[in-house]
Each structure stands twice: as structure tokens, then as C-alpha cells.
Amino acid sequence: MKKIGIFGTGMVGNTIGSKLIQLGYQVKMGSRSANNEKAAAWAAQNGPNASTGTFSDAADFGEIIFNCTKGDASPEVFRLAGADRLKGKPVIDISNPLDFSKGMPPSLMPDYSNTYSMGEELQKLAPGAHIVKTLNIVNCEVMVDAKRSGGDPTMFVSGNDAGAKQEVTDILRQFGWNDVIDLGDITTARGTEMLLPIWLRTWMATGNGHFAFKIVR
């Protein structure tokens, strides 16, 4: 199995990383500091296939990368990781360009919505990488176990490289996503990132984050 690098030590990074360990992958969690306490705690809980380091360490280690950082931090994280280290690798971008400056619910950052997206920005910052936007439209528990939504939901992938999207789809299937729709190139990430406002409003209205979208066709 391929080695996985994860950017981010929050709930999403922890959940994704732990699931990948359960599936038999070797995973390195990257953060700004090689001595990050949250990353160390995650590694201690997940055994010998879990390790930690900086963003650049995780980028070097991983044959596939998961970007689990917040959207407003993701561009800087990519600069710290180094575009050259991501060249030729599928990079699964789960981030969303959310602006929490006015509280809940957040809005989309104007510079990364409607006619642009965070997925496109990260592809621009790492032109040799194969950015694949996916999993950004559900909470982290549903990300790694699609059936937590209570059904057989749909997941989307957006990216420029067909081979990378197939590799990512293979991982999605290991997470229980049987219905995966390829929307096209990375510009289609604009659509999935703009699903976040309706996801957030549904979560606030129902008090339940364990749901997902289904395309009935």
C-alpha cells in the first residue's frame, strides 16, 4: 500500500489518519512543528505505522497527500510543504474557503468562490501536483464511513489528472463511497465548495452532522 502524508492535526486530519492506519497504510501527519503535541498524541494512539513531522516531512513521505487544513491556512501550508515535494503526487484537498470572521454560519471567502476555488488556488501553488478536490461536503466521521449518513450517498471528485482521480476514487471506495461522480477538471471544485453553505444550514437546522448528498438518477 502507498504511504500517505497528511497536512493538519485537527479533527479531520486525526479521523482520516486513523482510518488509513486501520486500512493498513503507513501515515505521517505533518504540522508546522516536528514536535507538535496533537500529532504526537495521534501517533501514540495509532501504533508503529503512524509517524509525525513537519509539513515538508509529510510531503516527502507521502506518495499520496491529504490536505486536512483549514482553507484560510491551506495556501501557506502548501508553501511550507514545498511545491517540488508534491510534484507528480495525488493531493486530496478536503479544505473549504470558509470565513468565520462574522461568526456562525461562516461565509465563503470572496477571493475563492463563484469564479475561483481553493482547489484551483492550490493547483496553482503546486502546478506539478495532481490536486483532487473531494470529501469537503461532509463531516469527518462521514468522510471515512459513508454509511454513517444512513444511506448510500454520492461523493464528487474534481481534478485535472484522470489517473490521480482514479487513485483517489479507490481510497473513497475503501471509505465506503460506492457512488462517486467525476465532475471534471479542478475548476469544478467551485461547485462542491459552494455546497458548504447549504450543508452548514442543514446541519444547523437539524442538529445532525451525519448526513450527505445523494444524486438520484
C-alpha atoms as a PDB file:
ATOM      1  CA  MET A   1       0.000   0.000   0.000  1.00  0.00           C
ATOM      2  CA  LYS A   2       1.175   3.514  -0.732  1.00  0.00           C
ATOM      3  CA  LYS A   3       2.479   5.778   2.008  1.00  0.00           C
ATOM      4  CA  ILE A   4       0.213   8.666   2.971  1.00  0.00           C
ATOM      5  CA  GLY A   5       1.155  12.158   4.123  1.00  0.00           C
ATOM      6  CA  ILE A   6      -1.408  14.254   5.977  1.00  0.00           C
ATOM      7  CA  PHE A   7      -1.346  18.023   6.373  1.00  0.00           C
ATOM      8  CA  GLY A   8      -3.166  19.062   9.539  1.00  0.00           C
ATOM      9  CA  THR A   9      -3.559  17.869  13.122  1.00  0.00           C
ATOM     10  CA  GLY A  10      -7.196  18.783  13.732  1.00  0.00           C
ATOM     11  CA  MET A  11     -10.279  16.602  13.879  1.00  0.00           C
ATOM     12  CA  VAL A  12     -10.299  15.941  10.124  1.00  0.00           C
ATOM     13  CA  GLY A  13      -6.619  15.002   9.971  1.00  0.00           C
ATOM     14  CA  ASN A  14      -6.959  12.766  13.025  1.00  0.00           C
ATOM     15  CA  THR A  15     -10.023  10.979  11.697  1.00  0.00           C
ATOM     16  CA  ILE A  16      -8.633  10.480   8.188  1.00  0.00           C
ATOM     17  CA  GLY A  17      -5.246   9.391   9.523  1.00  0.00           C
ATOM     18  CA  SER A  18      -6.693   6.881  11.964  1.00  0.00           C
ATOM     19  CA  LYS A  19      -8.933   5.341   9.305  1.00  0.00           C
ATOM     20  CA  LEU A  20      -5.997   4.982   6.909  1.00  0.00           C
ATOM     21  CA  ILE A  21      -3.969   3.256   9.638  1.00  0.00           C
ATOM     22  CA  GLN A  22      -6.873   0.844  10.202  1.00  0.00           C
ATOM     23  CA  LEU A  23      -6.844   0.098   6.470  1.00  0.00           C
ATOM     24  CA  GLY A  24      -3.154  -0.810   6.628  1.00  0.00           C
ATOM     25  CA  TYR A  25      -1.480   2.332   5.304  1.00  0.00           C
ATOM     26  CA  GLN A  26       1.632   3.966   6.728  1.00  0.00           C
ATOM     27  CA  VAL A  27       0.762   7.569   7.575  1.00  0.00           C
ATOM     28  CA  LYS A  28       2.855  10.602   8.513  1.00  0.00           C
ATOM     29  CA  MET A  29       0.995  13.573   9.992  1.00  0.00           C
ATOM     30  CA  GLY A  30       2.581  16.935   9.209  1.00  0.00           C
ATOM     31  CA  SER A  31       2.296  20.248  11.020  1.00  0.00           C
ATOM     32  CA  ARG A  32       4.278  23.457  11.402  1.00  0.00           C
ATOM     33  CA  SER A  33       6.449  21.909  14.104  1.00  0.00           C
ATOM     34  CA  ALA A  34       8.082  18.493  14.191  1.00  0.00           C
ATOM     35  CA  ASN A  35       7.224  18.399  17.909  1.00  0.00           C
ATOM     36  CA  ASN A  36       3.501  19.104  17.632  1.00  0.00           C
ATOM     37  CA  GLU A  37       1.784  17.666  20.725  1.00  0.00           C
ATOM     38  CA  LYS A  38      -1.512  16.868  18.985  1.00  0.00           C
ATOM     39  CA  ALA A  39       0.298  14.979  16.236  1.00  0.00           C
ATOM     40  CA  ALA A  40       2.383  13.095  18.797  1.00  0.00           C
ATOM     41  CA  ALA A  41      -0.755  12.081  20.703  1.00  0.00           C
ATOM     42  CA  TRP A  42      -2.364  10.843  17.482  1.00  0.00           C
ATOM     43  CA  ALA A  43       0.733   8.794  16.591  1.00  0.00           C
ATOM     44  CA  ALA A  44       0.884   7.276  20.077  1.00  0.00           C
ATOM     45  CA  GLN A  45      -2.713   6.082  19.719  1.00  0.00           C
ATOM     46  CA  ASN A  46      -2.220   4.576  16.261  1.00  0.00           C
ATOM     47  CA  GLY A  47       0.826   2.337  16.533  1.00  0.00           C
ATOM     48  CA  PRO A  48       4.006   1.829  14.514  1.00  0.00           C
ATOM     49  CA  ASN A  49       2.518   2.775  11.133  1.00  0.00           C
ATOM     50  CA  ALA A  50       1.803   6.301  12.411  1.00  0.00           C
ATOM     51  CA  SER A  51       4.511   8.959  12.476  1.00  0.00           C
ATOM     52  CA  THR A  52       4.805  12.734  12.625  1.00  0.00           C
ATOM     53  CA  GLY A  53       6.897  15.566  11.236  1.00  0.00           C
ATOM     54  CA  THR A  54       6.667  18.936   9.548  1.00  0.00           C
ATOM     55  CA  PHE A  55       4.539  19.691   6.503  1.00  0.00           C
ATOM     56  CA  SER A  56       7.610  19.187   4.331  1.00  0.00           C
ATOM     57  CA  ASP A  57       8.357  15.871   6.065  1.00  0.00           C
ATOM     58  CA  ALA A  58       4.827  14.661   5.338  1.00  0.00           C
ATOM     59  CA  ALA A  59       5.119  15.828   1.733  1.00  0.00           C
ATOM     60  CA  ASP A  60       8.384  13.914   1.305  1.00  0.00           C
ATOM     61  CA  PHE A  61       6.967  10.786   2.944  1.00  0.00           C
ATOM     62  CA  GLY A  62       3.630  10.540   1.228  1.00  0.00           C
ATOM     63  CA  GLU A  63       3.041   9.018  -2.164  1.00  0.00           C
ATOM     64  CA  ILE A  64      -0.475  10.367  -1.733  1.00  0.00           C
ATOM     65  CA  ILE A  65      -1.217  13.511   0.292  1.00  0.00           C
ATOM     66  CA  PHE A  66      -4.342  14.563   2.196  1.00  0.00           C
ATOM     67  CA  ASN A  67      -4.749  18.290   2.818  1.00  0.00           C
ATOM     68  CA  CYS A  68      -6.825  18.430   6.003  1.00  0.00           C
ATOM     69  CA  THR A  69      -6.008  22.027   6.942  1.00  0.00           C
ATOM     70  CA  LYS A  70      -8.476  24.909   7.135  1.00  0.00           C
ATOM     71  CA  GLY A  71      -8.990  26.725   3.877  1.00  0.00           C
ATOM     72  CA  ASP A  72      -7.676  30.053   5.111  1.00  0.00           C
ATOM     73  CA  ALA A  73      -4.406  28.333   6.097  1.00  0.00           C
ATOM     74  CA  SER A  74      -4.026  25.942   3.153  1.00  0.00           C
ATOM     75  CA  PRO A  75      -2.080  28.227   0.775  1.00  0.00           C
ATOM     76  CA  GLU A  76       0.563  28.912   3.417  1.00  0.00           C
ATOM     77  CA  VAL A  77       0.720  25.207   4.285  1.00  0.00           C
ATOM     78  CA  PHE A  78       1.448  24.385   0.650  1.00  0.00           C
ATOM     79  CA  ARG A  79       4.242  26.955   0.593  1.00  0.00           C
ATOM     80  CA  LEU A  80       5.729  25.441   3.744  1.00  0.00           C
ATOM     81  CA  ALA A  81       5.435  21.918   2.354  1.00  0.00           C
ATOM     82  CA  GLY A  82       7.134  22.899  -0.892  1.00  0.00           C
ATOM     83  CA  ALA A  83       5.643  22.501  -4.352  1.00  0.00           C
ATOM     84  CA  ASP A  84       8.567  20.377  -5.556  1.00  0.00           C
ATOM     85  CA  ARG A  85       7.812  17.760  -2.890  1.00  0.00           C
ATOM     86  CA  LEU A  86       4.266  17.395  -4.213  1.00  0.00           C
ATOM     87  CA  LYS A  87       5.194  17.011  -7.862  1.00  0.00           C
ATOM     88  CA  GLY A  88       3.554  14.034  -9.545  1.00  0.00           C
ATOM     89  CA  LYS A  89       1.539  13.075  -6.449  1.00  0.00           C
ATOM     90  CA  PRO A  90      -2.234  12.919  -5.973  1.00  0.00           C
ATOM     91  CA  VAL A  91      -3.112  15.566  -3.372  1.00  0.00           C
ATOM     92  CA  ILE A  92      -6.570  15.107  -1.888  1.00  0.00           C
ATOM     93  CA  ASP A  93      -7.857  18.541  -0.940  1.00  0.00           C
ATOM     94  CA  ILE A  94     -10.582  18.486   1.712  1.00  0.00           C
ATOM     95  CA  SER A  95     -10.296  22.179   2.609  1.00  0.00           C
ATOM     96  CA  ASN A  96     -13.041  24.785   2.217  1.00  0.00           C
ATOM     97  CA  PRO A  97     -12.526  28.555   1.880  1.00  0.00           C
ATOM     98  CA  LEU A  98     -14.623  29.488   4.908  1.00  0.00           C
ATOM     99  CA  ASP A  99     -14.604  32.910   6.557  1.00  0.00           C
ATOM    100  CA  PHE A 100     -15.546  32.781  10.257  1.00  0.00           C
ATOM    101  CA  SER A 101     -14.818  36.475  10.916  1.00  0.00           C
ATOM    102  CA  LYS A 102     -18.514  37.213  11.490  1.00  0.00           C
ATOM    103  CA  GLY A 103     -19.268  34.065  13.446  1.00  0.00           C
ATOM    104  CA  MET A 104     -21.605  31.224  12.524  1.00  0.00           C
ATOM    105  CA  PRO A 105     -22.517  30.292   9.944  1.00  0.00           C
ATOM    106  CA  PRO A 106     -19.340  31.174   8.074  1.00  0.00           C
ATOM    107  CA  SER A 107     -19.414  32.643   4.593  1.00  0.00           C
ATOM    108  CA  LEU A 108     -17.232  31.696   1.640  1.00  0.00           C
ATOM    109  CA  MET A 109     -14.082  33.763   1.206  1.00  0.00           C
ATOM    110  CA  PRO A 110     -14.864  36.079  -1.755  1.00  0.00           C
ATOM    111  CA  ASP A 111     -11.491  35.544  -3.431  1.00  0.00           C
ATOM    112  CA  TYR A 112     -12.103  31.787  -3.590  1.00  0.00           C
ATOM    113  CA  SER A 113     -15.745  31.487  -4.601  1.00  0.00           C
ATOM    114  CA  ASN A 114     -18.031  31.706  -7.610  1.00  0.00           C
ATOM    115  CA  THR A 115     -15.385  32.237 -10.320  1.00  0.00           C
ATOM    116  CA  TYR A 116     -12.482  30.606  -8.450  1.00  0.00           C
ATOM    117  CA  SER A 117     -11.914  27.971  -5.770  1.00  0.00           C
ATOM    118  CA  MET A 118      -9.435  26.886  -3.137  1.00  0.00           C
ATOM    119  CA  GLY A 119      -8.803  23.757  -5.169  1.00  0.00           C
ATOM    120  CA  GLU A 120      -7.687  25.886  -8.115  1.00  0.00           C
ATOM    121  CA  GLU A 121      -5.500  28.043  -5.888  1.00  0.00           C
ATOM    122  CA  LEU A 122      -3.687  25.009  -4.508  1.00  0.00           C
ATOM    123  CA  GLN A 123      -3.208  23.632  -8.017  1.00  0.00           C
ATOM    124  CA  LYS A 124      -1.703  26.998  -8.976  1.00  0.00           C
ATOM    125  CA  LEU A 125       0.637  26.915  -5.968  1.00  0.00           C
ATOM    126  CA  ALA A 126       1.728  23.332  -6.730  1.00  0.00           C
ATOM    127  CA  PRO A 127       1.450  23.067 -10.532  1.00  0.00           C
ATOM    128  CA  GLY A 128       3.200  19.693 -10.671  1.00  0.00           C
ATOM    129  CA  ALA A 129       0.860  18.113  -8.122  1.00  0.00           C
ATOM    130  CA  HIS A 130      -2.387  16.388  -9.036  1.00  0.00           C
ATOM    131  CA  ILE A 131      -4.929  18.188  -6.850  1.00  0.00           C
ATOM    132  CA  VAL A 132      -8.180  16.265  -6.379  1.00  0.00           C
ATOM    133  CA  LYS A 133     -10.968  18.040  -4.524  1.00  0.00           C
ATOM    134  CA  THR A 134     -13.234  15.641  -2.653  1.00  0.00           C
ATOM    135  CA  LEU A 135     -14.748  14.819   0.779  1.00  0.00           C
ATOM    136  CA  ASN A 136     -15.202  18.529   1.558  1.00  0.00           C
ATOM    137  CA  ILE A 137     -19.015  18.293   1.651  1.00  0.00           C
ATOM    138  CA  VAL A 138     -19.480  16.054   4.716  1.00  0.00           C
ATOM    139  CA  ASN A 139     -18.228  15.932   8.289  1.00  0.00           C
ATOM    140  CA  CYS A 140     -15.125  13.934   9.105  1.00  0.00           C
ATOM    141  CA  GLU A 141     -16.935  10.901  10.532  1.00  0.00           C
ATOM    142  CA  VAL A 142     -18.951  10.506   7.336  1.00  0.00           C
ATOM    143  CA  MET A 143     -15.812  11.104   5.243  1.00  0.00           C
ATOM    144  CA  VAL A 144     -14.305   7.819   6.411  1.00  0.00           C
ATOM    145  CA  ASP A 145     -17.570   5.861   6.728  1.00  0.00           C
ATOM    146  CA  ALA A 146     -20.131   6.852   4.120  1.00  0.00           C
ATOM    147  CA  LYS A 147     -22.812   4.684   5.716  1.00  0.00           C
ATOM    148  CA  ARG A 148     -22.777   6.914   8.808  1.00  0.00           C
ATOM    149  CA  SER A 149     -25.020   9.130   6.685  1.00  0.00           C
ATOM    150  CA  GLY A 150     -27.733   6.484   6.873  1.00  0.00           C
ATOM    151  CA  GLY A 151     -27.723   5.606   3.190  1.00  0.00           C
ATOM    152  CA  ASP A 152     -25.611   5.214   0.069  1.00  0.00           C
ATOM    153  CA  PRO A 153     -24.588   8.832  -0.605  1.00  0.00           C
ATOM    154  CA  THR A 154     -22.773  10.430  -3.518  1.00  0.00           C
ATOM    155  CA  MET A 155     -19.254  11.846  -3.432  1.00  0.00           C
ATOM    156  CA  PHE A 156     -17.725  14.083  -6.087  1.00  0.00           C
ATOM    157  CA  VAL A 157     -14.163  14.326  -7.372  1.00  0.00           C
ATOM    158  CA  SER A 158     -12.664  17.277  -9.252  1.00  0.00           C
ATOM    159  CA  GLY A 159      -9.183  17.342 -10.751  1.00  0.00           C
ATOM    160  CA  ASN A 160      -7.115  17.658 -13.900  1.00  0.00           C
ATOM    161  CA  ASP A 161      -5.453  14.232 -13.867  1.00  0.00           C
ATOM    162  CA  ALA A 162      -7.552  11.154 -14.639  1.00  0.00           C
ATOM    163  CA  GLY A 163      -5.062   8.744 -13.085  1.00  0.00           C
ATOM    164  CA  ALA A 164      -4.947  10.675  -9.818  1.00  0.00           C
ATOM    165  CA  LYS A 165      -8.736  10.802  -9.662  1.00  0.00           C
ATOM    166  CA  GLN A 166      -8.856   7.032 -10.096  1.00  0.00           C
ATOM    167  CA  GLU A 167      -6.377   6.528  -7.242  1.00  0.00           C
ATOM    168  CA  VAL A 168      -8.454   8.823  -5.054  1.00  0.00           C
ATOM    169  CA  THR A 169     -11.660   7.035  -6.040  1.00  0.00           C
ATOM    170  CA  ASP A 170     -10.082   3.750  -4.965  1.00  0.00           C
ATOM    171  CA  ILE A 171      -9.488   5.237  -1.497  1.00  0.00           C
ATOM    172  CA  LEU A 172     -13.018   6.647  -1.406  1.00  0.00           C
ATOM    173  CA  ARG A 173     -14.363   3.164  -2.020  1.00  0.00           C
ATOM    174  CA  GLN A 174     -12.344   1.921   0.959  1.00  0.00           C
ATOM    175  CA  PHE A 175     -14.157   4.620   2.951  1.00  0.00           C
ATOM    176  CA  GLY A 176     -17.499   3.197   1.798  1.00  0.00           C
ATOM    177  CA  TRP A 177     -18.277   5.621  -1.031  1.00  0.00           C
ATOM    178  CA  ASN A 178     -19.815   3.428  -3.729  1.00  0.00           C
ATOM    179  CA  ASP A 179     -21.318   6.274  -5.763  1.00  0.00           C
ATOM    180  CA  VAL A 180     -18.528   8.580  -6.960  1.00  0.00           C
ATOM    181  CA  ILE A 181     -19.117  11.158  -9.695  1.00  0.00           C
ATOM    182  CA  ASP A 182     -16.195  12.694 -11.590  1.00  0.00           C
ATOM    183  CA  LEU A 183     -17.243  16.301 -12.207  1.00  0.00           C
ATOM    184  CA  GLY A 184     -14.289  17.128 -14.452  1.00  0.00           C
ATOM    185  CA  ASP A 185     -11.239  19.349 -14.071  1.00  0.00           C
ATOM    186  CA  ILE A 186     -10.227  21.296 -10.974  1.00  0.00           C
ATOM    187  CA  THR A 187     -12.432  24.270 -11.907  1.00  0.00           C
ATOM    188  CA  THR A 188     -15.416  22.105 -10.952  1.00  0.00           C
ATOM    189  CA  ALA A 189     -14.267  22.397  -7.334  1.00  0.00           C
ATOM    190  CA  ARG A 190     -16.093  25.737  -7.400  1.00  0.00           C
ATOM    191  CA  GLY A 191     -19.343  23.807  -7.312  1.00  0.00           C
ATOM    192  CA  THR A 192     -18.538  21.473  -4.441  1.00  0.00           C
ATOM    193  CA  GLU A 193     -17.007  24.244  -2.337  1.00  0.00           C
ATOM    194  CA  MET A 194     -20.211  26.242  -2.855  1.00  0.00           C
ATOM    195  CA  LEU A 195     -22.215  23.328  -1.429  1.00  0.00           C
ATOM    196  CA  LEU A 196     -20.863  24.180   2.023  1.00  0.00           C
ATOM    197  CA  PRO A 197     -23.412  26.920   2.795  1.00  0.00           C
ATOM    198  CA  ILE A 198     -26.335  24.504   2.288  1.00  0.00           C
ATOM    199  CA  TRP A 199     -24.504  21.773   4.229  1.00  0.00           C
ATOM    200  CA  LEU A 200     -23.964  24.173   7.136  1.00  0.00           C
ATOM    201  CA  ARG A 201     -27.565  25.407   7.126  1.00  0.00           C
ATOM    202  CA  THR A 202     -28.865  21.823   7.066  1.00  0.00           C
ATOM    203  CA  TRP A 203     -26.627  20.890   9.988  1.00  0.00           C
ATOM    204  CA  MET A 204     -27.824  23.938  11.953  1.00  0.00           C
ATOM    205  CA  ALA A 205     -31.483  23.222  11.142  1.00  0.00           C
ATOM    206  CA  THR A 206     -31.387  19.522  12.040  1.00  0.00           C
ATOM    207  CA  GLY A 207     -28.691  19.422  14.705  1.00  0.00           C
ATOM    208  CA  ASN A 208     -27.284  16.381  12.924  1.00  0.00           C
ATOM    209  CA  GLY A 209     -23.978  16.363  11.056  1.00  0.00           C
ATOM    210  CA  HIS A 210     -24.215  12.736   9.940  1.00  0.00           C
ATOM    211  CA  PHE A 211     -25.788  13.328   6.557  1.00  0.00           C
ATOM    212  CA  ALA A 212     -24.614  13.560   2.956  1.00  0.00           C
ATOM    213  CA  PHE A 213     -25.855  14.412  -0.508  1.00  0.00           C
ATOM    214  CA  LYS A 214     -27.305  11.848  -2.916  1.00  0.00           C
ATOM    215  CA  ILE A 215     -27.719  12.352  -6.648  1.00  0.00           C
ATOM    216  CA  VAL A 216     -30.809  10.377  -7.643  1.00  0.00           C
ATOM    217  CA  ARG A 217     -30.693   9.435 -11.313  1.00  0.00           C
END
